[in-house]
Amino acid sequence: MLKDDESHPVTFAFMGHSVTAYPTFILVDGVKISRSQLTFSFQLALAKAMRESEENGRAEGQ
């Protein structure tokens, strides 16, 4: 199993902040936050923002 730092992170913008998502933690403007400390609704909002970012990236690349 890969350590968090060895996996491929996903970086996207969320509410004016730079977010980098790893499997067990996220970095928000360089501040490390454990996913277990986040509410479900906040994790859901992050997931939606990440999906929108990926969709926008695919649309721009076409």
PDB file of N, CA and C in Angstrom:
ATOM      1  N   MET A   1       0.843  -1.185   0.000  1.00  0.00           N
ATOM      2  CA  MET A   1       0.000   0.000   0.000  1.00  0.00           C
ATOM      3  C   MET A   1       0.885   1.244   0.000  1.00  0.00           C
ATOM      4  N   LEU A   2       0.488   2.232  -0.764  1.00  0.00           N
ATOM      5  CA  LEU A   2       1.267   3.462  -0.863  1.00  0.00           C
ATOM      6  C   LEU A   2       1.037   4.368   0.335  1.00  0.00           C
ATOM      7  N   LYS A   3       2.080   5.076   0.706  1.00  0.00           N
ATOM      8  CA  LYS A   3       1.932   6.104   1.732  1.00  0.00           C
ATOM      9  C   LYS A   3       1.254   7.304   1.088  1.00  0.00           C
ATOM     10  N   ASP A   4       0.656   8.180   1.909  1.00  0.00           N
ATOM     11  CA  ASP A   4      -0.050   9.345   1.387  1.00  0.00           C
ATOM     12  C   ASP A   4       0.822  10.194   0.473  1.00  0.00           C
ATOM     13  N   ASP A   5       2.074  10.405   0.854  1.00  0.00           N
ATOM     14  CA  ASP A   5       2.953  11.267   0.072  1.00  0.00           C
ATOM     15  C   ASP A   5       3.350  10.652  -1.263  1.00  0.00           C
ATOM     16  N   GLU A   6       3.201   9.323  -1.422  1.00  0.00           N
ATOM     17  CA  GLU A   6       3.581   8.651  -2.656  1.00  0.00           C
ATOM     18  C   GLU A   6       2.433   8.575  -3.659  1.00  0.00           C
ATOM     19  N   SER A   7       1.211   8.790  -3.221  1.00  0.00           N
ATOM     20  CA  SER A   7       0.077   8.720  -4.134  1.00  0.00           C
ATOM     21  C   SER A   7      -0.016  10.016  -4.934  1.00  0.00           C
ATOM     22  N   HIS A   8      -0.790   9.977  -5.978  1.00  0.00           N
ATOM     23  CA  HIS A   8      -0.916  11.146  -6.838  1.00  0.00           C
ATOM     24  C   HIS A   8      -1.994  12.075  -6.287  1.00  0.00           C
ATOM     25  N   PRO A   9      -1.630  13.249  -5.844  1.00  0.00           N
ATOM     26  CA  PRO A   9      -2.621  14.176  -5.296  1.00  0.00           C
ATOM     27  C   PRO A   9      -3.429  14.853  -6.394  1.00  0.00           C
ATOM     28  N   VAL A  10      -4.588  15.354  -6.020  1.00  0.00           N
ATOM     29  CA  VAL A  10      -5.444  16.114  -6.918  1.00  0.00           C
ATOM     30  C   VAL A  10      -5.501  17.533  -6.378  1.00  0.00           C
ATOM     31  N   THR A  11      -5.169  18.511  -7.219  1.00  0.00           N
ATOM     32  CA  THR A  11      -5.177  19.910  -6.798  1.00  0.00           C
ATOM     33  C   THR A  11      -6.282  20.647  -7.542  1.00  0.00           C
ATOM     34  N   PHE A  12      -7.048  21.457  -6.809  1.00  0.00           N
ATOM     35  CA  PHE A  12      -8.139  22.217  -7.405  1.00  0.00           C
ATOM     36  C   PHE A  12      -8.442  23.424  -6.529  1.00  0.00           C
ATOM     37  N   ALA A  13      -9.217  24.354  -7.077  1.00  0.00           N
ATOM     38  CA  ALA A  13      -9.614  25.551  -6.329  1.00  0.00           C
ATOM     39  C   ALA A  13     -10.948  25.288  -5.638  1.00  0.00           C
ATOM     40  N   PHE A  14     -11.089  25.794  -4.410  1.00  0.00           N
ATOM     41  CA  PHE A  14     -12.332  25.641  -3.656  1.00  0.00           C
ATOM     42  C   PHE A  14     -12.551  26.900  -2.834  1.00  0.00           C
ATOM     43  N   MET A  15     -13.598  27.634  -3.155  1.00  0.00           N
ATOM     44  CA  MET A  15     -13.965  28.851  -2.426  1.00  0.00           C
ATOM     45  C   MET A  15     -12.781  29.814  -2.298  1.00  0.00           C
ATOM     46  N   GLY A  16     -12.028  29.958  -3.378  1.00  0.00           N
ATOM     47  CA  GLY A  16     -10.913  30.886  -3.392  1.00  0.00           C
ATOM     48  C   GLY A  16      -9.640  30.373  -2.750  1.00  0.00           C
ATOM     49  N   HIS A  17      -9.595  29.089  -2.403  1.00  0.00           N
ATOM     50  CA  HIS A  17      -8.419  28.501  -1.769  1.00  0.00           C
ATOM     51  C   HIS A  17      -7.867  27.383  -2.644  1.00  0.00           C
ATOM     52  N   SER A  18      -6.574  27.164  -2.559  1.00  0.00           N
ATOM     53  CA  SER A  18      -5.932  26.057  -3.252  1.00  0.00           C
ATOM     54  C   SER A  18      -6.032  24.814  -2.370  1.00  0.00           C
ATOM     55  N   VAL A  19      -6.616  23.743  -2.906  1.00  0.00           N
ATOM     56  CA  VAL A  19      -6.807  22.502  -2.156  1.00  0.00           C
ATOM     57  C   VAL A  19      -6.081  21.373  -2.879  1.00  0.00           C
ATOM     58  N   THR A  20      -5.299  20.604  -2.138  1.00  0.00           N
ATOM     59  CA  THR A  20      -4.648  19.409  -2.664  1.00  0.00           C
ATOM     60  C   THR A  20      -5.151  18.234  -1.840  1.00  0.00           C
ATOM     61  N   ALA A  21      -5.782  17.271  -2.513  1.00  0.00           N
ATOM     62  CA  ALA A  21      -6.405  16.142  -1.821  1.00  0.00           C
ATOM     63  C   ALA A  21      -5.552  14.885  -1.938  1.00  0.00           C
ATOM     64  N   TYR A  22      -5.261  14.287  -0.798  1.00  0.00           N
ATOM     65  CA  TYR A  22      -4.586  12.997  -0.676  1.00  0.00           C
ATOM     66  C   TYR A  22      -5.610  12.017  -0.103  1.00  0.00           C
ATOM     67  N   PRO A  23      -5.327  10.714  -0.099  1.00  0.00           N
ATOM     68  CA  PRO A  23      -6.312   9.749   0.413  1.00  0.00           C
ATOM     69  C   PRO A  23      -6.766   9.984   1.855  1.00  0.00           C
ATOM     70  N   THR A  24      -5.883  10.384   2.758  1.00  0.00           N
ATOM     71  CA  THR A  24      -6.272  10.517   4.167  1.00  0.00           C
ATOM     72  C   THR A  24      -6.186  11.929   4.714  1.00  0.00           C
ATOM     73  N   PHE A  25      -5.701  12.871   3.926  1.00  0.00           N
ATOM     74  CA  PHE A  25      -5.646  14.255   4.386  1.00  0.00           C
ATOM     75  C   PHE A  25      -5.744  15.198   3.205  1.00  0.00           C
ATOM     76  N   ILE A  26      -5.997  16.470   3.495  1.00  0.00           N
ATOM     77  CA  ILE A  26      -6.015  17.499   2.460  1.00  0.00           C
ATOM     78  C   ILE A  26      -5.115  18.643   2.900  1.00  0.00           C
ATOM     79  N   LEU A  27      -4.633  19.382   1.924  1.00  0.00           N
ATOM     80  CA  LEU A  27      -3.890  20.608   2.189  1.00  0.00           C
ATOM     81  C   LEU A  27      -4.740  21.763   1.685  1.00  0.00           C
ATOM     82  N   VAL A  28      -5.052  22.700   2.555  1.00  0.00           N
ATOM     83  CA  VAL A  28      -5.794  23.900   2.172  1.00  0.00           C
ATOM     84  C   VAL A  28      -4.846  25.067   2.369  1.00  0.00           C
ATOM     85  N   ASP A  29      -4.428  25.672   1.269  1.00  0.00           N
ATOM     86  CA  ASP A  29      -3.441  26.756   1.305  1.00  0.00           C
ATOM     87  C   ASP A  29      -2.214  26.359   2.117  1.00  0.00           C
ATOM     88  N   GLY A  30      -1.780  25.107   1.982  1.00  0.00           N
ATOM     89  CA  GLY A  30      -0.575  24.632   2.651  1.00  0.00           C
ATOM     90  C   GLY A  30      -0.772  24.119   4.063  1.00  0.00           C
ATOM     91  N   VAL A  31      -1.993  24.163   4.585  1.00  0.00           N
ATOM     92  CA  VAL A  31      -2.276  23.682   5.941  1.00  0.00           C
ATOM     93  C   VAL A  31      -2.830  22.259   5.841  1.00  0.00           C
ATOM     94  N   LYS A  32      -2.165  21.306   6.516  1.00  0.00           N
ATOM     95  CA  LYS A  32      -2.573  19.899   6.467  1.00  0.00           C
ATOM     96  C   LYS A  32      -3.735  19.659   7.425  1.00  0.00           C
ATOM     97  N   ILE A  33      -4.807  19.044   6.890  1.00  0.00           N
ATOM     98  CA  ILE A  33      -5.996  18.739   7.680  1.00  0.00           C
ATOM     99  C   ILE A  33      -6.366  17.276   7.441  1.00  0.00           C
ATOM    100  N   SER A  34      -6.537  16.522   8.515  1.00  0.00           N
ATOM    101  CA  SER A  34      -6.940  15.127   8.410  1.00  0.00           C
ATOM    102  C   SER A  34      -8.391  15.059   7.939  1.00  0.00           C
ATOM    103  N   ARG A  35      -8.682  14.138   7.028  1.00  0.00           N
ATOM    104  CA  ARG A  35     -10.061  14.001   6.545  1.00  0.00           C
ATOM    105  C   ARG A  35     -11.019  13.609   7.666  1.00  0.00           C
ATOM    106  N   SER A  36     -10.512  12.905   8.676  1.00  0.00           N
ATOM    107  CA  SER A  36     -11.380  12.490   9.780  1.00  0.00           C
ATOM    108  C   SER A  36     -11.857  13.689  10.602  1.00  0.00           C
ATOM    109  N   GLN A  37     -11.192  14.823  10.475  1.00  0.00           N
ATOM    110  CA  GLN A  37     -11.587  16.027  11.200  1.00  0.00           C
ATOM    111  C   GLN A  37     -12.640  16.843  10.449  1.00  0.00           C
ATOM    112  N   LEU A  38     -12.945  16.452   9.211  1.00  0.00           N
ATOM    113  CA  LEU A  38     -13.894  17.198   8.391  1.00  0.00           C
ATOM    114  C   LEU A  38     -15.281  16.581   8.478  1.00  0.00           C
ATOM    115  N   THR A  39     -16.296  17.415   8.442  1.00  0.00           N
ATOM    116  CA  THR A  39     -17.663  16.907   8.445  1.00  0.00           C
ATOM    117  C   THR A  39     -17.969  16.254   7.100  1.00  0.00           C
ATOM    118  N   PHE A  40     -18.976  15.399   7.098  1.00  0.00           N
ATOM    119  CA  PHE A  40     -19.375  14.738   5.860  1.00  0.00           C
ATOM    120  C   PHE A  40     -19.803  15.761   4.819  1.00  0.00           C
ATOM    121  N   SER A  41     -20.550  16.769   5.229  1.00  0.00           N
ATOM    122  CA  SER A  41     -21.041  17.757   4.266  1.00  0.00           C
ATOM    123  C   SER A  41     -19.888  18.541   3.640  1.00  0.00           C
ATOM    124  N   PHE A  42     -18.844  18.844   4.423  1.00  0.00           N
ATOM    125  CA  PHE A  42     -17.698  19.553   3.868  1.00  0.00           C
ATOM    126  C   PHE A  42     -16.933  18.655   2.896  1.00  0.00           C
ATOM    127  N   GLN A  43     -16.784  17.362   3.238  1.00  0.00           N
ATOM    128  CA  GLN A  43     -16.120  16.432   2.326  1.00  0.00           C
ATOM    129  C   GLN A  43     -16.913  16.285   1.034  1.00  0.00           C
ATOM    130  N   LEU A  44     -18.235  16.293   1.129  1.00  0.00           N
ATOM    131  CA  LEU A  44     -19.081  16.213  -0.056  1.00  0.00           C
ATOM    132  C   LEU A  44     -18.906  17.456  -0.923  1.00  0.00           C
ATOM    133  N   ALA A  45     -18.860  18.628  -0.309  1.00  0.00           N
ATOM    134  CA  ALA A  45     -18.643  19.871  -1.056  1.00  0.00           C
ATOM    135  C   ALA A  45     -17.281  19.856  -1.749  1.00  0.00           C
ATOM    136  N   LEU A  46     -16.258  19.346  -1.070  1.00  0.00           N
ATOM    137  CA  LEU A  46     -14.933  19.227  -1.689  1.00  0.00           C
ATOM    138  C   LEU A  46     -14.973  18.270  -2.880  1.00  0.00           C
ATOM    139  N   ALA A  47     -15.667  17.147  -2.726  1.00  0.00           N
ATOM    140  CA  ALA A  47     -15.758  16.168  -3.809  1.00  0.00           C
ATOM    141  C   ALA A  47     -16.460  16.765  -5.026  1.00  0.00           C
ATOM    142  N   LYS A  48     -17.509  17.539  -4.800  1.00  0.00           N
ATOM    143  CA  LYS A  48     -18.213  18.190  -5.911  1.00  0.00           C
ATOM    144  C   LYS A  48     -17.304  19.193  -6.609  1.00  0.00           C
ATOM    145  N   ALA A  49     -16.557  19.977  -5.841  1.00  0.00           N
ATOM    146  CA  ALA A  49     -15.637  20.961  -6.422  1.00  0.00           C
ATOM    147  C   ALA A  49     -14.534  20.261  -7.211  1.00  0.00           C
ATOM    148  N   MET A  50     -14.046  19.133  -6.695  1.00  0.00           N
ATOM    149  CA  MET A  50     -13.007  18.382  -7.389  1.00  0.00           C
ATOM    150  C   MET A  50     -13.547  17.830  -8.706  1.00  0.00           C
ATOM    151  N   ARG A  51     -14.754  17.307  -8.688  1.00  0.00           N
ATOM    152  CA  ARG A  51     -15.358  16.770  -9.911  1.00  0.00           C
ATOM    153  C   ARG A  51     -15.565  17.872 -10.945  1.00  0.00           C
ATOM    154  N   GLU A  52     -16.058  19.038 -10.510  1.00  0.00           N
ATOM    155  CA  GLU A  52     -16.248  20.157 -11.431  1.00  0.00           C
ATOM    156  C   GLU A  52     -14.920  20.607 -12.026  1.00  0.00           C
ATOM    157  N   SER A  53     -13.886  20.626 -11.214  1.00  0.00           N
ATOM    158  CA  SER A  53     -12.557  21.009 -11.691  1.00  0.00           C
ATOM    159  C   SER A  53     -12.061  20.030 -12.751  1.00  0.00           C
ATOM    160  N   GLU A  54     -12.259  18.737 -12.511  1.00  0.00           N
ATOM    161  CA  GLU A  54     -11.844  17.720 -13.480  1.00  0.00           C
ATOM    162  C   GLU A  54     -12.644  17.845 -14.772  1.00  0.00           C
ATOM    163  N   GLU A  55     -13.955  18.096 -14.672  1.00  0.00           N
ATOM    164  CA  GLU A  55     -14.787  18.243 -15.862  1.00  0.00           C
ATOM    165  C   GLU A  55     -14.386  19.482 -16.652  1.00  0.00           C
ATOM    166  N   ASN A  56     -14.086  20.578 -15.972  1.00  0.00           N
ATOM    167  CA  ASN A  56     -13.651  21.795 -16.657  1.00  0.00           C
ATOM    168  C   ASN A  56     -12.310  21.576 -17.340  1.00  0.00           C
ATOM    169  N   GLY A  57     -11.429  20.831 -16.710  1.00  0.00           N
ATOM    170  CA  GLY A  57     -10.127  20.526 -17.303  1.00  0.00           C
ATOM    171  C   GLY A  57     -10.258  19.693 -18.561  1.00  0.00           C
ATOM    172  N   ARG A  58     -11.183  18.733 -18.553  1.00  0.00           N
ATOM    173  CA  ARG A  58     -11.411  17.908 -19.737  1.00  0.00           C
ATOM    174  C   ARG A  58     -12.033  18.732 -20.850  1.00  0.00           C
ATOM    175  N   ALA A  59     -12.954  19.630 -20.507  1.00  0.00           N
ATOM    176  CA  ALA A  59     -13.613  20.451 -21.518  1.00  0.00           C
ATOM    177  C   ALA A  59     -12.614  21.410 -22.168  1.00  0.00           C
ATOM    178  N   GLU A  60     -11.691  21.957 -21.386  1.00  0.00           N
ATOM    179  CA  GLU A  60     -10.696  22.876 -21.927  1.00  0.00           C
ATOM    180  C   GLU A  60      -9.678  22.148 -22.790  1.00  0.00           C
ATOM    181  N   GLY A  61      -9.426  20.890 -22.489  1.00  0.00           N
ATOM    182  CA  GLY A  61      -8.439  20.117 -23.230  1.00  0.00           C
ATOM    183  C   GLY A  61      -8.931  19.611 -24.571  1.00  0.00           C
ATOM    184  N   GLN A  62     -10.223  19.696 -24.839  1.00  0.00           N
ATOM    185  CA  GLN A  62     -10.779  19.171 -26.091  1.00  0.00           C
ATOM    186  C   GLN A  62     -10.668  20.153 -27.210  1.00  0.00           C
TER     187      GLN A  62
END
